[in-house]
C-alpha atoms as a PDB file:
ATOM      1  CA  MET A   1     -35.319  -9.209  -8.022  1.00  0.00           C
ATOM      2  CA  PRO A   2     -34.473  -6.736 -10.821  1.00  0.00           C
ATOM      3  CA  LYS A   3     -31.555  -7.552 -13.076  1.00  0.00           C
ATOM      4  CA  PRO A   4     -28.498  -5.250 -12.828  1.00  0.00           C
ATOM      5  CA  GLU A   5     -28.133  -2.659 -15.562  1.00  0.00           C
ATOM      6  CA  ARG A   6     -26.151  -3.825 -18.580  1.00  0.00           C
ATOM      7  CA  THR A   7     -23.799  -0.820 -18.302  1.00  0.00           C
ATOM      8  CA  PHE A   8     -22.619   1.330 -15.431  1.00  0.00           C
ATOM      9  CA  ARG A   9     -20.328   4.334 -15.010  1.00  0.00           C
ATOM     10  CA  THR A  10     -17.704   4.369 -12.300  1.00  0.00           C
ATOM     11  CA  ASP A  11     -14.411   5.808 -11.187  1.00  0.00           C
ATOM     12  CA  ALA A  12     -11.673   3.182 -11.234  1.00  0.00           C
ATOM     13  CA  VAL A  13      -8.013   2.841 -10.303  1.00  0.00           C
ATOM     14  CA  ILE A  14      -6.047   0.542 -12.584  1.00  0.00           C
ATOM     15  CA  LEU A  15      -4.298  -1.914 -10.274  1.00  0.00           C
ATOM     16  CA  ARG A  16      -2.823  -4.242 -12.884  1.00  0.00           C
ATOM     17  CA  ARG A  17      -2.863  -4.626 -16.623  1.00  0.00           C
ATOM     18  CA  GLN A  18      -1.534  -7.056 -19.204  1.00  0.00           C
ATOM     19  CA  ASP A  19      -1.693  -7.589 -22.944  1.00  0.00           C
ATOM     20  CA  PHE A  20      -4.681  -9.621 -24.058  1.00  0.00           C
ATOM     21  CA  GLY A  21      -5.110 -10.953 -27.568  1.00  0.00           C
ATOM     22  CA  GLU A  22      -3.675  -8.948 -30.443  1.00  0.00           C
ATOM     23  CA  ALA A  23      -4.712  -5.418 -29.443  1.00  0.00           C
ATOM     24  CA  ASP A  24      -6.573  -5.525 -26.131  1.00  0.00           C
ATOM     25  CA  ARG A  25      -5.598  -5.034 -22.499  1.00  0.00           C
ATOM     26  CA  LEU A  26      -6.836  -7.020 -19.526  1.00  0.00           C
ATOM     27  CA  LEU A  27      -7.268  -4.682 -16.549  1.00  0.00           C
ATOM     28  CA  VAL A  28      -7.747  -5.282 -12.846  1.00  0.00           C
ATOM     29  CA  LEU A  29      -9.785  -2.341 -11.552  1.00  0.00           C
ATOM     30  CA  LEU A  30     -10.667  -1.051  -8.109  1.00  0.00           C
ATOM     31  CA  THR A  31     -13.925   0.892  -7.924  1.00  0.00           C
ATOM     32  CA  PRO A  32     -15.769   2.559  -5.027  1.00  0.00           C
ATOM     33  CA  GLU A  33     -19.144   0.852  -5.503  1.00  0.00           C
ATOM     34  CA  HIS A  34     -18.401  -2.381  -7.387  1.00  0.00           C
ATOM     35  CA  GLY A  35     -15.205  -3.452  -5.652  1.00  0.00           C
ATOM     36  CA  LYS A  36     -12.358  -5.083  -7.526  1.00  0.00           C
ATOM     37  CA  PHE A  37     -12.934  -6.804 -10.863  1.00  0.00           C
ATOM     38  CA  ARG A  38     -11.340  -7.595 -14.210  1.00  0.00           C
ATOM     39  CA  ALA A  39     -12.310  -5.924 -17.476  1.00  0.00           C
ATOM     40  CA  ILE A  40     -11.163  -5.885 -21.084  1.00  0.00           C
ATOM     41  CA  ALA A  41     -10.191  -2.626 -22.780  1.00  0.00           C
ATOM     42  CA  LYS A  42     -10.657  -3.613 -26.407  1.00  0.00           C
ATOM     43  CA  GLY A  43      -8.213  -2.120 -28.891  1.00  0.00           C
ATOM     44  CA  ALA A  44      -6.368  -0.231 -26.148  1.00  0.00           C
ATOM     45  CA  ARG A  45      -2.965  -1.180 -27.572  1.00  0.00           C
ATOM     46  CA  LYS A  46      -3.694   0.369 -30.959  1.00  0.00           C
ATOM     47  CA  PRO A  47      -1.884   3.736 -31.286  1.00  0.00           C
ATOM     48  CA  ILE A  48      -4.978   5.488 -32.651  1.00  0.00           C
ATOM     49  CA  ALA A  49      -7.475   3.962 -30.200  1.00  0.00           C
ATOM     50  CA  ARG A  50      -9.401   6.464 -28.053  1.00  0.00           C
ATOM     51  CA  LYS A  51      -8.710   4.424 -24.924  1.00  0.00           C
ATOM     52  CA  THR A  52      -4.938   4.479 -25.514  1.00  0.00           C
ATOM     53  CA  GLY A  53      -3.396   6.671 -22.838  1.00  0.00           C
ATOM     54  CA  HIS A  54      -6.470   6.368 -20.602  1.00  0.00           C
ATOM     55  CA  VAL A  55      -5.694   2.906 -19.242  1.00  0.00           C
ATOM     56  CA  GLU A  56      -2.301   3.590 -17.676  1.00  0.00           C
ATOM     57  CA  LEU A  57      -1.200   1.760 -14.532  1.00  0.00           C
ATOM     58  CA  PHE A  58      -2.220   3.455 -11.233  1.00  0.00           C
ATOM     59  CA  ALA A  59      -4.327   6.085 -13.038  1.00  0.00           C
ATOM     60  CA  LEU A  60      -7.706   7.214 -11.727  1.00  0.00           C
ATOM     61  CA  VAL A  61     -10.107   6.886 -14.650  1.00  0.00           C
ATOM     62  CA  ASP A  62     -13.779   7.608 -15.294  1.00  0.00           C
ATOM     63  CA  MET A  63     -15.103   4.505 -17.071  1.00  0.00           C
ATOM     64  CA  LEU A  64     -18.255   3.238 -18.694  1.00  0.00           C
ATOM     65  CA  ILE A  65     -18.418  -0.515 -18.168  1.00  0.00           C
ATOM     66  CA  ALA A  66     -20.533  -3.075 -20.017  1.00  0.00           C
ATOM     67  CA  ARG A  67     -21.260  -6.184 -17.987  1.00  0.00           C
ATOM     68  CA  GLY A  68     -20.042  -9.489 -19.386  1.00  0.00           C
ATOM     69  CA  ARG A  69     -20.561 -13.102 -18.377  1.00  0.00           C
ATOM     70  CA  GLU A  70     -16.948 -13.649 -17.351  1.00  0.00           C
ATOM     71  CA  LEU A  71     -15.220 -10.329 -18.026  1.00  0.00           C
ATOM     72  CA  HIS A  72     -16.666  -6.819 -18.155  1.00  0.00           C
ATOM     73  CA  ILE A  73     -15.869  -4.569 -21.115  1.00  0.00           C
ATOM     74  CA  VAL A  74     -14.518  -1.008 -20.894  1.00  0.00           C
ATOM     75  CA  THR A  75     -16.530   0.913 -23.475  1.00  0.00           C
ATOM     76  CA  GLN A  76     -15.361   4.434 -22.538  1.00  0.00           C
ATOM     77  CA  ALA A  77     -12.406   5.719 -20.510  1.00  0.00           C
ATOM     78  CA  GLU A  78     -11.371   9.241 -19.530  1.00  0.00           C
ATOM     79  CA  THR A  79      -8.433   9.908 -17.210  1.00  0.00           C
ATOM     80  CA  ARG A  80      -9.305  11.933 -14.120  1.00  0.00           C
ATOM     81  CA  ASP A  81      -5.847  11.863 -12.477  1.00  0.00           C
ATOM     82  CA  PRO A  82      -2.860  10.205 -14.179  1.00  0.00           C
ATOM     83  CA  PHE A  83      -0.588  10.513 -11.095  1.00  0.00           C
ATOM     84  CA  LEU A  84       2.212  11.341 -13.522  1.00  0.00           C
ATOM     85  CA  ALA A  85       4.928  11.508 -10.859  1.00  0.00           C
ATOM     86  CA  LEU A  86       4.569   7.761 -10.364  1.00  0.00           C
ATOM     87  CA  ARG A  87       5.641   7.130 -13.954  1.00  0.00           C
ATOM     88  CA  GLU A  88       8.530   9.596 -13.759  1.00  0.00           C
ATOM     89  CA  ASP A  89      10.171   8.316 -10.550  1.00  0.00           C
ATOM     90  CA  LEU A  90      11.144   4.652 -10.222  1.00  0.00           C
ATOM     91  CA  VAL A  91      11.220   4.709  -6.415  1.00  0.00           C
ATOM     92  CA  ARG A  92       7.764   6.249  -6.063  1.00  0.00           C
ATOM     93  CA  SER A  93       6.441   3.923  -8.773  1.00  0.00           C
ATOM     94  CA  THR A  94       7.772   0.965  -6.772  1.00  0.00           C
ATOM     95  CA  TYR A  95       6.035   2.224  -3.638  1.00  0.00           C
ATOM     96  CA  ALA A  96       2.797   2.619  -5.642  1.00  0.00           C
ATOM     97  CA  ASN A  97       3.170  -0.974  -6.757  1.00  0.00           C
ATOM     98  CA  HIS A  98       3.586  -1.944  -3.101  1.00  0.00           C
ATOM     99  CA  LEU A  99       0.327  -0.185  -2.146  1.00  0.00           C
ATOM    100  CA  VAL A 100      -1.528  -1.897  -4.965  1.00  0.00           C
ATOM    101  CA  GLU A 101      -0.061  -5.344  -4.333  1.00  0.00           C
ATOM    102  CA  LEU A 102      -0.920  -5.149  -0.654  1.00  0.00           C
ATOM    103  CA  LEU A 103      -4.510  -4.146  -1.383  1.00  0.00           C
ATOM    104  CA  ASP A 104      -4.788  -6.877  -4.010  1.00  0.00           C
ATOM    105  CA  ARG A 105      -3.598  -9.520  -1.525  1.00  0.00           C
ATOM    106  CA  LEU A 106      -5.877  -8.339   1.302  1.00  0.00           C
ATOM    107  CA  THR A 107      -9.061  -8.157  -0.769  1.00  0.00           C
ATOM    108  CA  THR A 108     -11.168 -10.446  -2.930  1.00  0.00           C
ATOM    109  CA  ASP A 109     -13.035  -9.639  -6.133  1.00  0.00           C
ATOM    110  CA  HIS A 110     -16.194  -7.517  -5.719  1.00  0.00           C
ATOM    111  CA  ASP A 111     -15.617  -7.364  -1.963  1.00  0.00           C
ATOM    112  CA  THR A 112     -13.810  -4.071  -1.340  1.00  0.00           C
ATOM    113  CA  SER A 113     -15.410  -0.943   0.052  1.00  0.00           C
ATOM    114  CA  ARG A 114     -15.365   2.760  -0.732  1.00  0.00           C
ATOM    115  CA  ALA A 115     -13.042   3.287   2.256  1.00  0.00           C
ATOM    116  CA  GLU A 116     -10.361   1.131   0.613  1.00  0.00           C
ATOM    117  CA  PHE A 117     -10.833   2.910  -2.706  1.00  0.00           C
ATOM    118  CA  ASP A 118     -10.581   6.352  -1.101  1.00  0.00           C
ATOM    119  CA  LEU A 119      -7.487   5.272   0.864  1.00  0.00           C
ATOM    120  CA  LEU A 120      -5.694   4.072  -2.257  1.00  0.00           C
ATOM    121  CA  VAL A 121      -6.539   7.210  -4.262  1.00  0.00           C
ATOM    122  CA  SER A 122      -5.311   9.384  -1.386  1.00  0.00           C
ATOM    123  CA  ALA A 123      -2.114   7.357  -0.980  1.00  0.00           C
ATOM    124  CA  LEU A 124      -1.267   7.582  -4.682  1.00  0.00           C
ATOM    125  CA  GLY A 125      -1.608  11.344  -4.324  1.00  0.00           C
ATOM    126  CA  TRP A 126       0.716  11.350  -1.285  1.00  0.00           C
ATOM    127  CA  LEU A 127       3.348   9.535  -3.331  1.00  0.00           C
ATOM    128  CA  CYS A 128       3.127  12.264  -5.973  1.00  0.00           C
ATOM    129  CA  SER A 129       3.931  14.946  -3.392  1.00  0.00           C
ATOM    130  CA  ASP A 130       7.275  15.755  -1.772  1.00  0.00           C
ATOM    131  CA  VAL A 131       6.478  13.652   1.315  1.00  0.00           C
ATOM    132  CA  ASP A 132       8.821  10.788   2.198  1.00  0.00           C
ATOM    133  CA  PRO A 133       7.334   7.712   0.468  1.00  0.00           C
ATOM    134  CA  ARG A 134       8.403   5.529   3.408  1.00  0.00           C
ATOM    135  CA  LEU A 135       6.120   7.507   5.718  1.00  0.00           C
ATOM    136  CA  ALA A 136       3.234   7.276   3.254  1.00  0.00           C
ATOM    137  CA  ALA A 137       3.723   3.511   2.916  1.00  0.00           C
ATOM    138  CA  ARG A 138       3.725   2.867   6.685  1.00  0.00           C
ATOM    139  CA  TYR A 139       0.611   4.993   7.227  1.00  0.00           C
ATOM    140  CA  TYR A 140      -1.174   3.266   4.346  1.00  0.00           C
ATOM    141  CA  GLU A 141      -0.219  -0.179   5.674  1.00  0.00           C
ATOM    142  CA  LEU A 142      -1.671   0.575   9.100  1.00  0.00           C
ATOM    143  CA  ARG A 143      -4.877   2.024   7.651  1.00  0.00           C
ATOM    144  CA  LEU A 144      -5.415  -0.825   5.210  1.00  0.00           C
ATOM    145  CA  LEU A 145      -4.754  -3.433   7.899  1.00  0.00           C
ATOM    146  CA  ALA A 146      -7.396  -1.772  10.061  1.00  0.00           C
ATOM    147  CA  LEU A 147      -9.937  -1.782   7.205  1.00  0.00           C
ATOM    148  CA  ALA A 148      -9.216  -5.472   6.587  1.00  0.00           C
ATOM    149  CA  GLY A 149      -9.687  -6.321  10.281  1.00  0.00           C
ATOM    150  CA  PHE A 150      -6.007  -7.002  11.008  1.00  0.00           C
ATOM    151  CA  ALA A 151      -4.955  -3.880  12.929  1.00  0.00           C
ATOM    152  CA  PRO A 152      -1.981  -4.722  15.198  1.00  0.00           C
ATOM    153  CA  SER A 153      -2.480  -4.238  18.940  1.00  0.00           C
ATOM    154  CA  LEU A 154      -0.308  -1.296  20.013  1.00  0.00           C
ATOM    155  CA  HIS A 155      -1.855  -0.107  23.291  1.00  0.00           C
ATOM    156  CA  TYR A 156      -2.313  -3.363  25.174  1.00  0.00           C
ATOM    157  CA  CYS A 157      -0.120  -6.445  25.542  1.00  0.00           C
ATOM    158  CA  SER A 158      -1.282  -8.972  22.977  1.00  0.00           C
ATOM    159  CA  ILE A 159      -0.854 -11.785  25.517  1.00  0.00           C
ATOM    160  CA  GLY A 160      -1.861 -10.379  28.914  1.00  0.00           C
ATOM    161  CA  GLN A 161      -4.106  -7.554  27.635  1.00  0.00           C
ATOM    162  CA  GLU A 162      -2.683  -5.129  30.216  1.00  0.00           C
ATOM    163  CA  ALA A 163      -1.907  -1.556  29.165  1.00  0.00           C
ATOM    164  CA  ILE A 164       1.559  -1.143  27.662  1.00  0.00           C
ATOM    165  CA  ALA A 165       3.998   0.873  29.799  1.00  0.00           C
ATOM    166  CA  ALA A 166       6.112   3.713  28.382  1.00  0.00           C
ATOM    167  CA  GLN A 167       9.252   1.622  27.808  1.00  0.00           C
ATOM    168  CA  ASP A 168      10.878  -0.546  25.176  1.00  0.00           C
ATOM    169  CA  GLN A 169       8.656  -3.498  24.229  1.00  0.00           C
ATOM    170  CA  PHE A 170       8.569  -6.439  21.826  1.00  0.00           C
ATOM    171  CA  PHE A 171       6.585  -6.845  18.622  1.00  0.00           C
ATOM    172  CA  SER A 172       5.203 -10.277  17.749  1.00  0.00           C
ATOM    173  CA  PRO A 173       3.326 -10.782  14.456  1.00  0.00           C
ATOM    174  CA  ALA A 174       2.183 -14.230  15.604  1.00  0.00           C
ATOM    175  CA  ASP A 175       0.583 -12.721  18.725  1.00  0.00           C
ATOM    176  CA  GLY A 176      -1.021  -9.813  16.880  1.00  0.00           C
ATOM    177  CA  GLY A 177       1.118  -6.879  17.988  1.00  0.00           C
ATOM    178  CA  VAL A 178       3.061  -5.619  20.991  1.00  0.00           C
ATOM    179  CA  ILE A 179       3.929  -7.913  23.897  1.00  0.00           C
ATOM    180  CA  CYS A 180       5.369  -6.639  27.168  1.00  0.00           C
ATOM    181  CA  PRO A 181       8.750  -7.745  28.570  1.00  0.00           C
ATOM    182  CA  ASP A 182       7.067  -9.721  31.373  1.00  0.00           C
ATOM    183  CA  HIS A 183       5.082 -11.917  28.988  1.00  0.00           C
ATOM    184  CA  ARG A 184       8.024 -12.236  26.650  1.00  0.00           C
ATOM    185  CA  ALA A 185      10.407 -13.346  29.395  1.00  0.00           C
ATOM    186  CA  GLY A 186      11.867 -16.803  28.914  1.00  0.00           C
ATOM    187  CA  SER A 187      10.653 -17.126  25.324  1.00  0.00           C
ATOM    188  CA  GLU A 188      11.784 -16.212  21.829  1.00  0.00           C
ATOM    189  CA  ARG A 189       8.515 -14.506  20.958  1.00  0.00           C
ATOM    190  CA  GLY A 190       8.723 -11.268  19.033  1.00  0.00           C
ATOM    191  CA  SER A 191      11.602  -8.902  18.363  1.00  0.00           C
ATOM    192  CA  PRO A 192      12.686  -5.751  20.226  1.00  0.00           C
ATOM    193  CA  LEU A 193      10.562  -2.638  19.639  1.00  0.00           C
ATOM    194  CA  THR A 194      11.959   0.681  20.853  1.00  0.00           C
ATOM    195  CA  LEU A 195       9.739   3.084  22.741  1.00  0.00           C
ATOM    196  CA  ASN A 196      10.242   5.678  20.000  1.00  0.00           C
ATOM    197  CA  ALA A 197       9.031   3.232  17.337  1.00  0.00           C
ATOM    198  CA  LEU A 198       6.037   2.255  19.481  1.00  0.00           C
ATOM    199  CA  LYS A 199       5.044   5.901  19.968  1.00  0.00           C
ATOM    200  CA  THR A 200       5.365   6.541  16.227  1.00  0.00           C
ATOM    201  CA  LEU A 201       3.244   3.516  15.307  1.00  0.00           C
ATOM    202  CA  ARG A 202       0.585   4.559  17.804  1.00  0.00           C
ATOM    203  CA  TYR A 203       0.585   8.094  16.459  1.00  0.00           C
ATOM    204  CA  MET A 204       0.187   6.912  12.869  1.00  0.00           C
ATOM    205  CA  GLN A 205      -2.553   4.466  13.826  1.00  0.00           C
ATOM    206  CA  THR A 206      -4.681   7.103  15.561  1.00  0.00           C
ATOM    207  CA  ARG A 207      -4.026  10.346  13.657  1.00  0.00           C
ATOM    208  CA  SER A 208      -5.069  11.731  10.296  1.00  0.00           C
ATOM    209  CA  TRP A 209      -2.672  11.936   7.389  1.00  0.00           C
ATOM    210  CA  ASP A 210      -2.513  15.731   7.779  1.00  0.00           C
ATOM    211  CA  ALA A 211      -0.986  15.216  11.237  1.00  0.00           C
ATOM    212  CA  VAL A 212       1.306  12.360  10.201  1.00  0.00           C
ATOM    213  CA  GLN A 213       2.776  13.828   7.021  1.00  0.00           C
ATOM    214  CA  VAL A 214       4.720  16.492   8.925  1.00  0.00           C
ATOM    215  CA  LEU A 215       6.739  13.914  10.899  1.00  0.00           C
ATOM    216  CA  HIS A 216      10.489  13.827  10.257  1.00  0.00           C
ATOM    217  CA  LEU A 217      11.914  10.407  11.064  1.00  0.00           C
ATOM    218  CA  ASN A 218      15.559   9.448  10.954  1.00  0.00           C
ATOM    219  CA  GLY A 219      16.790   6.552   8.842  1.00  0.00           C
ATOM    220  CA  ALA A 220      17.107   4.107  11.737  1.00  0.00           C
ATOM    221  CA  LEU A 221      13.508   4.705  12.835  1.00  0.00           C
ATOM    222  CA  HIS A 222      12.204   4.301   9.290  1.00  0.00           C
ATOM    223  CA  LEU A 223      13.988   0.967   9.031  1.00  0.00           C
ATOM    224  CA  GLU A 224      12.636  -0.234  12.374  1.00  0.00           C
ATOM    225  CA  LEU A 225       9.041   0.645  11.482  1.00  0.00           C
ATOM    226  CA  GLU A 226       9.400  -0.995   8.091  1.00  0.00           C
ATOM    227  CA  ARG A 227      10.920  -4.150   9.558  1.00  0.00           C
ATOM    228  CA  HIS A 228       8.115  -4.693  12.050  1.00  0.00           C
ATOM    229  CA  LEU A 229       5.218  -3.845   9.743  1.00  0.00           C
ATOM    230  CA  LEU A 230       6.526  -5.928   6.844  1.00  0.00           C
ATOM    231  CA  ALA A 231       7.040  -8.896   9.185  1.00  0.00           C
ATOM    232  CA  TYR A 232       3.452  -8.440  10.345  1.00  0.00           C
ATOM    233  CA  LEU A 233       2.178  -8.272   6.767  1.00  0.00           C
ATOM    234  CA  VAL A 234       4.044 -11.442   5.794  1.00  0.00           C
ATOM    235  CA  TYR A 235       2.466 -13.227   8.755  1.00  0.00           C
ATOM    236  CA  VAL A 236      -1.052 -11.984   7.933  1.00  0.00           C
ATOM    237  CA  LEU A 237      -0.750 -12.736   4.206  1.00  0.00           C
ATOM    238  CA  GLU A 238       1.221 -15.968   4.704  1.00  0.00           C
ATOM    239  CA  GLN A 239       3.415 -14.942   1.781  1.00  0.00           C
ATOM    240  CA  ARG A 240       6.032 -12.357   0.902  1.00  0.00           C
ATOM    241  CA  LEU A 241       5.322  -9.291  -1.215  1.00  0.00           C
ATOM    242  CA  GLN A 242       7.115  -9.110  -4.560  1.00  0.00           C
ATOM    243  CA  SER A 243       7.172  -5.303  -4.451  1.00  0.00           C
ATOM    244  CA  VAL A 244       9.197  -5.363  -1.217  1.00  0.00           C
ATOM    245  CA  ALA A 245      11.902  -7.556  -2.728  1.00  0.00           C
ATOM    246  CA  PHE A 246      12.181  -5.214  -5.726  1.00  0.00           C
ATOM    247  CA  LEU A 247      12.310  -2.131  -3.501  1.00  0.00           C
ATOM    248  CA  GLN A 248      15.088  -3.632  -1.383  1.00  0.00           C
ATOM    249  CA  ARG A 249      17.084  -4.494  -4.495  1.00  0.00           C
ATOM    250  CA  LEU A 250      16.563  -0.956  -5.818  1.00  0.00           C
ATOM    251  CA  ARG A 251      17.847   0.479  -2.545  1.00  0.00           C
ATOM    252  CA  ARG A 252      20.983  -1.659  -2.686  1.00  0.00           C
ATOM    253  CA  GLU A 253      21.686  -0.574  -6.243  1.00  0.00           C
ATOM    254  CA  GLN A 254      21.216   3.100  -5.357  1.00  0.00           C
ATOM    255  CA  ALA A 255      23.428   2.751  -2.291  1.00  0.00           C
ATOM    256  CA  ASP A 256      26.179   1.133  -4.366  1.00  0.00           C
ATOM    257  CA  HIS A 257      25.876   3.904  -6.968  1.00  0.00           C
ATOM    258  CA  ASN A 258      25.879   6.759  -4.439  1.00  0.00           C
ATOM    259  CA  ASN A 259      28.607   5.316  -2.221  1.00  0.00           C
ATOM    260  CA  PRO A 260      31.044   3.395  -4.400  1.00  0.00           C
ATOM    261  CA  GLY A 261      33.674   3.568  -1.679  1.00  0.00           C
ATOM    262  CA  GLY A 262      31.332   2.457   1.094  1.00  0.00           C
ATOM    263  CA  THR A 263      31.119   5.878   2.825  1.00  0.00           C
ATOM    264  CA  ASP A 264      27.776   6.643   4.479  1.00  0.00           C
ATOM    265  CA  ASN A 265      26.625  10.061   3.274  1.00  0.00           C
ATOM    266  CA  ARG A 266      23.028   9.866   4.494  1.00  0.00           C
ATOM    267  CA  PRO A 267      21.637  13.105   5.944  1.00  0.00           C
ATOM    268  CA  ASN A 268      21.038  13.296   9.692  1.00  0.00           C
ATOM    269  CA  GLN A 269      17.285  13.860  10.064  1.00  0.00           C
ATOM    270  CA  ASP A 270      15.459  14.826  13.244  1.00  0.00           C
ATOM    271  CA  ASP A 271      13.794  12.085  15.220  1.00  0.00           C
ATOM    272  CA  ALA A 272      10.022  11.826  15.646  1.00  0.00           C
ATOM    273  CA  GLY A 273       8.519  13.715  18.505  1.00  0.00           C
END
C-alpha cells in the first residue's frame, strides 16, 4: 500500500484555534477530503508572519499541509473567504460558534464528509447575509442531524409509526421526534408541538435553502422551533452546548438594554405559510 504524500493542499474552515508555544497557533480544521484534524500554524502570532491574518476563526482558507506524526503543520495559508460579517457582529458570530460547536460535537477526527464541509461553508455565508440567523441555525441543525444519522421523525409517529394527522402534536427527543396525541395519552412523554411549528419543521427538513430563506416567522414560532430542536440536540449529544448558553445570555442583555422599562417593542412579523 503506497504511503500518503508528505504534503497536501486543501480548503479548510478554521473551527477552533488557541495559542500554542510562544508564537504558534493550534488550529482545528475542517476539510472536504481529509475530515477534521488539528494542525500547527507556526509563527502565526508574529505580526510580520505571512500566515498572520490568514488563520482567523471561521475563515475559509486554502492551505498547504505537511503531515506530522501527531500534529500536521500549516506551511502555507491564503484566505479564500474571511466571512468578515461574523467578526463585525457579535450575534452572528455567536451563531457561527453554535454551528461550529454542533459540528464538532457530532463528528470525530478524520471522519467527516464533503457534505458536512459544504453545509458549514454555506451556513457561514448565510449568516453573513441579511437573513434571520435563527432561521439559518434551525435549517443547519436539521441538515446536520440528517447527515449524522439523527434526523428527527416528523411525518410519522415515533411510537406507533402511523402517519401524523394535520393537528397539534407532541415532540419527544427520547422517542426520536413527533408522537401523536393517542400514543402520548396518559404519559408525560414529549412537550406540545403546534401544527404551525410541525409544518415549518417539515418544510425546512425537505426543502432547499433557497426555498427556506424567504420564510418570515414570528417571534413565538422561532422560540418554539428553537426550544424543540435544542432539546433534541441535548438528548442526542448527551450534553448541553456552550454556545447556546452564551446566546441566551446575550439575548437577555440586549433585551434589558433595549427595554429598560420592561416594555415589549418587538416587531410583529408575519407567520409562516
